Amino acid sequence: MSAEPGTVRPGGRTARVRAAVLEAAGDVLAEQGFDGLDLADVARRADVGKTTVYRRWGSVTGLVADLLADMAEQSLPREETGSALGDLRANAALVRRTLADPRQGALFRAVIAAATCDARTAQALRRFYEVRVAEWAPCVEQGVARGEFPAGTDAEAVVRAVSAPLYYQLLTTGEIPDAPDAERAARAAHAAAVAGVYVT
């Protein structure tokens, strides 16, 4: 059975083509939003033949799905500071830096907007966040093991609680979260977890 367009992970010499196309796609999303994404334009920017792009990704949504998969793969690994609060602060700081980055912040806004009306983009976005949350969940699990959080704490729920207010601020007010916002988000999630709010 052949793979769905945009899901094949090329290797070797074709990796350079994939990297160039995904970088071009990210640039277009950041500059023009989802509506401005066109496979022919991406091919031109990446200096790749249009037939290559159409054959490998098939559609704009296939390209966005692969872009999100690549972003999940390339994201920085979690930091372990030795304390649950320190780890949650590190997570909040990473989210804040991503949203504050001119290219990355604009790219995420474009993809989130597209996900509200395109099922495949929504699925790819969910998968992206599943990967990132799973990457950081062990920090909370270690906090439980150290006795910093009560047994039964839902680690993934705590991680999502850290980034949720930062995304909400960006999407509802247009204001880019700053360092105090990240600190507040981390402390709020930590306090709620300590209080047993996320015990399942």
C-alpha atoms as a PDB file:
ATOM      1  CA  MET A   1       0.000   0.000   0.000  1.00  0.00           C
ATOM      2  CA  SER A   2       1.478   3.375  -0.968  1.00  0.00           C
ATOM      3  CA  ALA A   3       1.940   6.072   1.651  1.00  0.00           C
ATOM      4  CA  GLU A   4      -0.286   9.111   1.732  1.00  0.00           C
ATOM      5  CA  PRO A   5       1.357  12.141   0.051  1.00  0.00           C
ATOM      6  CA  GLY A   6       3.349  14.182   2.518  1.00  0.00           C
ATOM      7  CA  THR A   7       3.999  11.284   4.889  1.00  0.00           C
ATOM      8  CA  VAL A   8       7.095   9.735   3.299  1.00  0.00           C
ATOM      9  CA  ARG A   9      10.383  10.582   5.016  1.00  0.00           C
ATOM     10  CA  PRO A  10      12.978  10.812   2.248  1.00  0.00           C
ATOM     11  CA  GLY A  11      16.595  10.090   3.035  1.00  0.00           C
ATOM     12  CA  GLY A  12      19.969  10.562   1.395  1.00  0.00           C
ATOM     13  CA  ARG A  13      20.135  13.026  -1.458  1.00  0.00           C
ATOM     14  CA  THR A  14      16.375  13.638  -1.462  1.00  0.00           C
ATOM     15  CA  ALA A  15      16.602  14.941   2.124  1.00  0.00           C
ATOM     16  CA  ARG A  16      17.984  18.206   0.738  1.00  0.00           C
ATOM     17  CA  VAL A  17      14.949  18.592  -1.505  1.00  0.00           C
ATOM     18  CA  ARG A  18      12.604  17.992   1.422  1.00  0.00           C
ATOM     19  CA  ALA A  19      14.482  20.468   3.604  1.00  0.00           C
ATOM     20  CA  ALA A  20      14.403  23.169   0.917  1.00  0.00           C
ATOM     21  CA  VAL A  21      10.702  22.679   0.198  1.00  0.00           C
ATOM     22  CA  LEU A  22       9.702  22.671   3.869  1.00  0.00           C
ATOM     23  CA  GLU A  23      11.741  25.789   4.547  1.00  0.00           C
ATOM     24  CA  ALA A  24      10.071  27.539   1.614  1.00  0.00           C
ATOM     25  CA  ALA A  25       6.637  26.401   2.791  1.00  0.00           C
ATOM     26  CA  GLY A  26       7.333  27.750   6.270  1.00  0.00           C
ATOM     27  CA  ASP A  27       8.426  31.075   4.806  1.00  0.00           C
ATOM     28  CA  VAL A  28       5.215  31.392   2.789  1.00  0.00           C
ATOM     29  CA  LEU A  29       3.049  30.495   5.784  1.00  0.00           C
ATOM     30  CA  ALA A  30       4.824  33.075   7.931  1.00  0.00           C
ATOM     31  CA  GLU A  31       4.609  35.765   5.268  1.00  0.00           C
ATOM     32  CA  GLN A  32       1.189  35.162   3.697  1.00  0.00           C
ATOM     33  CA  GLY A  33      -0.721  32.679   5.834  1.00  0.00           C
ATOM     34  CA  PHE A  34      -2.325  29.421   4.791  1.00  0.00           C
ATOM     35  CA  ASP A  35      -4.355  31.012   1.992  1.00  0.00           C
ATOM     36  CA  GLY A  36      -1.141  32.195   0.347  1.00  0.00           C
ATOM     37  CA  LEU A  37       0.408  28.730   0.250  1.00  0.00           C
ATOM     38  CA  ASP A  38       0.723  27.475  -3.321  1.00  0.00           C
ATOM     39  CA  LEU A  39       2.719  24.408  -4.354  1.00  0.00           C
ATOM     40  CA  ALA A  40       4.044  26.029  -7.523  1.00  0.00           C
ATOM     41  CA  ASP A  41       5.257  29.064  -5.567  1.00  0.00           C
ATOM     42  CA  VAL A  42       6.884  26.842  -2.955  1.00  0.00           C
ATOM     43  CA  ALA A  43       8.639  24.883  -5.713  1.00  0.00           C
ATOM     44  CA  ARG A  44       9.950  28.126  -7.237  1.00  0.00           C
ATOM     45  CA  ARG A  45      11.227  29.397  -3.893  1.00  0.00           C
ATOM     46  CA  ALA A  46      12.889  26.077  -3.135  1.00  0.00           C
ATOM     47  CA  ASP A  47      14.375  25.882  -6.636  1.00  0.00           C
ATOM     48  CA  VAL A  48      12.765  22.491  -7.093  1.00  0.00           C
ATOM     49  CA  GLY A  49      10.731  21.211 -10.017  1.00  0.00           C
ATOM     50  CA  LYS A  50       6.971  21.585  -9.650  1.00  0.00           C
ATOM     51  CA  THR A  51       6.402  17.960 -10.591  1.00  0.00           C
ATOM     52  CA  THR A  52       8.633  16.858  -7.715  1.00  0.00           C
ATOM     53  CA  VAL A  53       6.603  18.875  -5.220  1.00  0.00           C
ATOM     54  CA  TYR A  54       3.239  17.745  -6.589  1.00  0.00           C
ATOM     55  CA  ARG A  55       4.338  14.102  -6.741  1.00  0.00           C
ATOM     56  CA  ARG A  56       5.795  13.991  -3.226  1.00  0.00           C
ATOM     57  CA  TRP A  57       3.280  16.110  -1.299  1.00  0.00           C
ATOM     58  CA  GLY A  58       0.219  16.068  -3.529  1.00  0.00           C
ATOM     59  CA  SER A  59      -1.557  18.995  -1.916  1.00  0.00           C
ATOM     60  CA  VAL A  60      -1.106  22.026   0.298  1.00  0.00           C
ATOM     61  CA  THR A  61      -2.452  20.104   3.283  1.00  0.00           C
ATOM     62  CA  GLY A  62      -0.002  17.267   2.596  1.00  0.00           C
ATOM     63  CA  LEU A  63       2.818  19.789   2.615  1.00  0.00           C
ATOM     64  CA  VAL A  64       1.635  21.391   5.867  1.00  0.00           C
ATOM     65  CA  ALA A  65       1.321  17.968   7.495  1.00  0.00           C
ATOM     66  CA  ASP A  66       4.915  17.153   6.598  1.00  0.00           C
ATOM     67  CA  LEU A  67       6.087  20.589   7.744  1.00  0.00           C
ATOM     68  CA  LEU A  68       4.509  20.056  11.151  1.00  0.00           C
ATOM     69  CA  ALA A  69       6.012  16.568  11.394  1.00  0.00           C
ATOM     70  CA  ASP A  70       9.426  18.022  10.608  1.00  0.00           C
ATOM     71  CA  MET A  71       8.975  20.792  13.177  1.00  0.00           C
ATOM     72  CA  ALA A  72       8.148  18.199  15.828  1.00  0.00           C
ATOM     73  CA  GLU A  73      11.252  16.225  14.883  1.00  0.00           C
ATOM     74  CA  GLN A  74      13.477  19.317  14.984  1.00  0.00           C
ATOM     75  CA  SER A  75      12.120  20.831  18.196  1.00  0.00           C
ATOM     76  CA  LEU A  76      14.569  21.241  21.045  1.00  0.00           C
ATOM     77  CA  PRO A  77      14.582  18.417  23.597  1.00  0.00           C
ATOM     78  CA  ARG A  78      13.225  19.018  27.069  1.00  0.00           C
ATOM     79  CA  GLU A  79      15.405  20.494  29.779  1.00  0.00           C
ATOM     80  CA  GLU A  80      15.724  18.784  33.138  1.00  0.00           C
ATOM     81  CA  THR A  81      16.638  21.173  35.934  1.00  0.00           C
ATOM     82  CA  GLY A  82      16.232  18.843  38.895  1.00  0.00           C
ATOM     83  CA  SER A  83      12.941  20.329  40.090  1.00  0.00           C
ATOM     84  CA  ALA A  84       9.425  20.217  38.709  1.00  0.00           C
ATOM     85  CA  LEU A  85       9.012  23.988  38.866  1.00  0.00           C
ATOM     86  CA  GLY A  86      12.345  24.517  37.122  1.00  0.00           C
ATOM     87  CA  ASP A  87      11.362  22.100  34.367  1.00  0.00           C
ATOM     88  CA  LEU A  88       7.977  23.784  33.864  1.00  0.00           C
ATOM     89  CA  ARG A  89       9.716  27.164  33.735  1.00  0.00           C
ATOM     90  CA  ALA A  90      12.029  25.813  31.043  1.00  0.00           C
ATOM     91  CA  ASN A  91       9.033  24.556  29.080  1.00  0.00           C
ATOM     92  CA  ALA A  92       7.239  27.892  29.370  1.00  0.00           C
ATOM     93  CA  ALA A  93      10.379  29.756  28.293  1.00  0.00           C
ATOM     94  CA  LEU A  94      10.720  27.550  25.217  1.00  0.00           C
ATOM     95  CA  VAL A  95       7.081  28.093  24.240  1.00  0.00           C
ATOM     96  CA  ARG A  96       7.459  31.833  24.756  1.00  0.00           C
ATOM     97  CA  ARG A  97      10.599  32.000  22.603  1.00  0.00           C
ATOM     98  CA  THR A  98       8.864  30.068  19.846  1.00  0.00           C
ATOM     99  CA  LEU A  99       5.813  32.338  19.833  1.00  0.00           C
ATOM    100  CA  ALA A 100       7.978  35.462  20.030  1.00  0.00           C
ATOM    101  CA  ASP A 101      10.101  34.417  17.066  1.00  0.00           C
ATOM    102  CA  PRO A 102       8.948  36.476  14.046  1.00  0.00           C
ATOM    103  CA  ARG A 103       8.918  33.496  11.694  1.00  0.00           C
ATOM    104  CA  GLN A 104       7.813  30.744  14.049  1.00  0.00           C
ATOM    105  CA  GLY A 105       5.126  32.806  15.742  1.00  0.00           C
ATOM    106  CA  ALA A 106       3.581  33.828  12.432  1.00  0.00           C
ATOM    107  CA  LEU A 107       3.826  30.276  11.141  1.00  0.00           C
ATOM    108  CA  PHE A 108       1.985  28.855  14.146  1.00  0.00           C
ATOM    109  CA  ARG A 109      -0.763  31.475  13.881  1.00  0.00           C
ATOM    110  CA  ALA A 110      -1.248  30.584  10.211  1.00  0.00           C
ATOM    111  CA  VAL A 111      -1.392  26.855  10.854  1.00  0.00           C
ATOM    112  CA  ILE A 112      -3.719  27.197  13.844  1.00  0.00           C
ATOM    113  CA  ALA A 113      -6.050  29.368  11.765  1.00  0.00           C
ATOM    114  CA  ALA A 114      -6.001  26.820   8.937  1.00  0.00           C
ATOM    115  CA  ALA A 115      -6.691  23.962  11.345  1.00  0.00           C
ATOM    116  CA  THR A 116     -10.043  25.475  12.258  1.00  0.00           C
ATOM    117  CA  CYS A 117     -11.377  24.787   8.770  1.00  0.00           C
ATOM    118  CA  ASP A 118      -9.186  22.019   7.348  1.00  0.00           C
ATOM    119  CA  ALA A 119      -9.393  18.532   8.857  1.00  0.00           C
ATOM    120  CA  ARG A 120      -6.011  17.278   7.668  1.00  0.00           C
ATOM    121  CA  THR A 121      -4.198  20.353   8.959  1.00  0.00           C
ATOM    122  CA  ALA A 122      -6.035  19.962  12.265  1.00  0.00           C
ATOM    123  CA  GLN A 123      -4.935  16.333  12.485  1.00  0.00           C
ATOM    124  CA  ALA A 124      -1.320  17.255  11.723  1.00  0.00           C
ATOM    125  CA  LEU A 125      -1.395  20.021  14.313  1.00  0.00           C
ATOM    126  CA  ARG A 126      -2.773  17.657  16.944  1.00  0.00           C
ATOM    127  CA  ARG A 127      -0.003  15.195  16.151  1.00  0.00           C
ATOM    128  CA  PHE A 128       2.602  17.951  16.479  1.00  0.00           C
ATOM    129  CA  TYR A 129       1.400  18.855  19.958  1.00  0.00           C
ATOM    130  CA  GLU A 130       1.085  15.206  20.972  1.00  0.00           C
ATOM    131  CA  VAL A 131       4.783  14.759  20.188  1.00  0.00           C
ATOM    132  CA  ARG A 132       5.834  17.907  22.024  1.00  0.00           C
ATOM    133  CA  VAL A 133       3.689  17.208  25.101  1.00  0.00           C
ATOM    134  CA  ALA A 134       4.978  13.638  25.267  1.00  0.00           C
ATOM    135  CA  GLU A 135       8.535  14.984  25.119  1.00  0.00           C
ATOM    136  CA  TRP A 136       7.995  17.079  28.262  1.00  0.00           C
ATOM    137  CA  ALA A 137       5.667  14.790  30.222  1.00  0.00           C
ATOM    138  CA  PRO A 138       8.558  12.892  31.880  1.00  0.00           C
ATOM    139  CA  CYS A 139       9.488  16.091  33.726  1.00  0.00           C
ATOM    140  CA  VAL A 140       6.155  15.923  35.528  1.00  0.00           C
ATOM    141  CA  GLU A 141       6.429  12.165  36.037  1.00  0.00           C
ATOM    142  CA  GLN A 142       9.814  12.716  37.669  1.00  0.00           C
ATOM    143  CA  GLY A 143       8.212  15.371  39.857  1.00  0.00           C
ATOM    144  CA  VAL A 144       5.658  12.798  41.006  1.00  0.00           C
ATOM    145  CA  ALA A 145       8.452  10.324  41.743  1.00  0.00           C
ATOM    146  CA  ARG A 146      10.261  12.962  43.836  1.00  0.00           C
ATOM    147  CA  GLY A 147       7.087  13.700  45.773  1.00  0.00           C
ATOM    148  CA  GLU A 148       6.642  17.201  44.348  1.00  0.00           C
ATOM    149  CA  PHE A 149       3.267  16.327  42.818  1.00  0.00           C
ATOM    150  CA  PRO A 150       0.642  13.911  44.152  1.00  0.00           C
ATOM    151  CA  ALA A 151       0.430  10.384  42.779  1.00  0.00           C
ATOM    152  CA  GLY A 152      -1.922  10.085  39.831  1.00  0.00           C
ATOM    153  CA  THR A 153      -1.059  13.522  38.411  1.00  0.00           C
ATOM    154  CA  ASP A 154      -1.808  13.638  34.674  1.00  0.00           C
ATOM    155  CA  ALA A 155       1.610  14.647  33.344  1.00  0.00           C
ATOM    156  CA  GLU A 156       0.417  15.620  29.880  1.00  0.00           C
ATOM    157  CA  ALA A 157      -2.371  17.798  31.297  1.00  0.00           C
ATOM    158  CA  VAL A 158       0.172  19.711  33.378  1.00  0.00           C
ATOM    159  CA  VAL A 159       2.410  20.305  30.352  1.00  0.00           C
ATOM    160  CA  ARG A 160      -0.544  21.564  28.310  1.00  0.00           C
ATOM    161  CA  ALA A 161      -1.539  23.839  31.181  1.00  0.00           C
ATOM    162  CA  VAL A 162       1.838  25.576  30.977  1.00  0.00           C
ATOM    163  CA  SER A 163       1.549  26.589  27.326  1.00  0.00           C
ATOM    164  CA  ALA A 164      -2.226  27.144  27.159  1.00  0.00           C
ATOM    165  CA  PRO A 165      -2.281  30.696  28.588  1.00  0.00           C
ATOM    166  CA  LEU A 166       0.629  31.733  26.376  1.00  0.00           C
ATOM    167  CA  TYR A 167      -1.136  30.596  23.210  1.00  0.00           C
ATOM    168  CA  TYR A 168      -4.420  32.071  24.403  1.00  0.00           C
ATOM    169  CA  GLN A 169      -2.810  35.460  24.940  1.00  0.00           C
ATOM    170  CA  LEU A 170      -1.244  35.452  21.486  1.00  0.00           C
ATOM    171  CA  LEU A 171      -4.373  34.286  19.665  1.00  0.00           C
ATOM    172  CA  THR A 172      -6.938  36.429  21.484  1.00  0.00           C
ATOM    173  CA  THR A 173      -5.038  39.676  22.022  1.00  0.00           C
ATOM    174  CA  GLY A 174      -2.249  39.525  19.470  1.00  0.00           C
ATOM    175  CA  GLU A 175       0.226  40.290  22.265  1.00  0.00           C
ATOM    176  CA  ILE A 176       3.398  38.216  22.230  1.00  0.00           C
ATOM    177  CA  PRO A 177       4.008  36.586  25.626  1.00  0.00           C
ATOM    178  CA  ASP A 178       7.001  37.946  27.508  1.00  0.00           C
ATOM    179  CA  ALA A 179       9.227  36.441  30.198  1.00  0.00           C
ATOM    180  CA  PRO A 180       6.908  37.401  33.099  1.00  0.00           C
ATOM    181  CA  ASP A 181       3.986  35.814  31.234  1.00  0.00           C
ATOM    182  CA  ALA A 182       5.977  32.576  30.883  1.00  0.00           C
ATOM    183  CA  GLU A 183       6.949  32.641  34.564  1.00  0.00           C
ATOM    184  CA  ARG A 184       3.326  33.158  35.601  1.00  0.00           C
ATOM    185  CA  ALA A 185       2.136  30.314  33.362  1.00  0.00           C
ATOM    186  CA  ALA A 186       4.709  27.915  34.796  1.00  0.00           C
ATOM    187  CA  ARG A 187       3.947  28.886  38.399  1.00  0.00           C
ATOM    188  CA  ALA A 188       0.185  28.603  37.879  1.00  0.00           C
ATOM    189  CA  ALA A 189       0.451  25.130  36.350  1.00  0.00           C
ATOM    190  CA  HIS A 190       2.844  24.053  39.099  1.00  0.00           C
ATOM    191  CA  ALA A 191       0.609  25.359  41.899  1.00  0.00           C
ATOM    192  CA  ALA A 192      -2.449  23.670  40.426  1.00  0.00           C
ATOM    193  CA  ALA A 193      -0.577  20.384  40.050  1.00  0.00           C
ATOM    194  CA  VAL A 194       0.705  20.561  43.642  1.00  0.00           C
ATOM    195  CA  ALA A 195      -2.873  21.160  44.793  1.00  0.00           C
ATOM    196  CA  GLY A 196      -4.002  17.992  43.021  1.00  0.00           C
ATOM    197  CA  VAL A 197      -6.007  19.682  40.283  1.00  0.00           C
ATOM    198  CA  TYR A 198      -4.569  17.310  37.653  1.00  0.00           C
ATOM    199  CA  VAL A 199      -4.916  14.078  39.581  1.00  0.00           C
ATOM    200  CA  THR A 200      -6.970  11.616  37.552  1.00  0.00           C
END
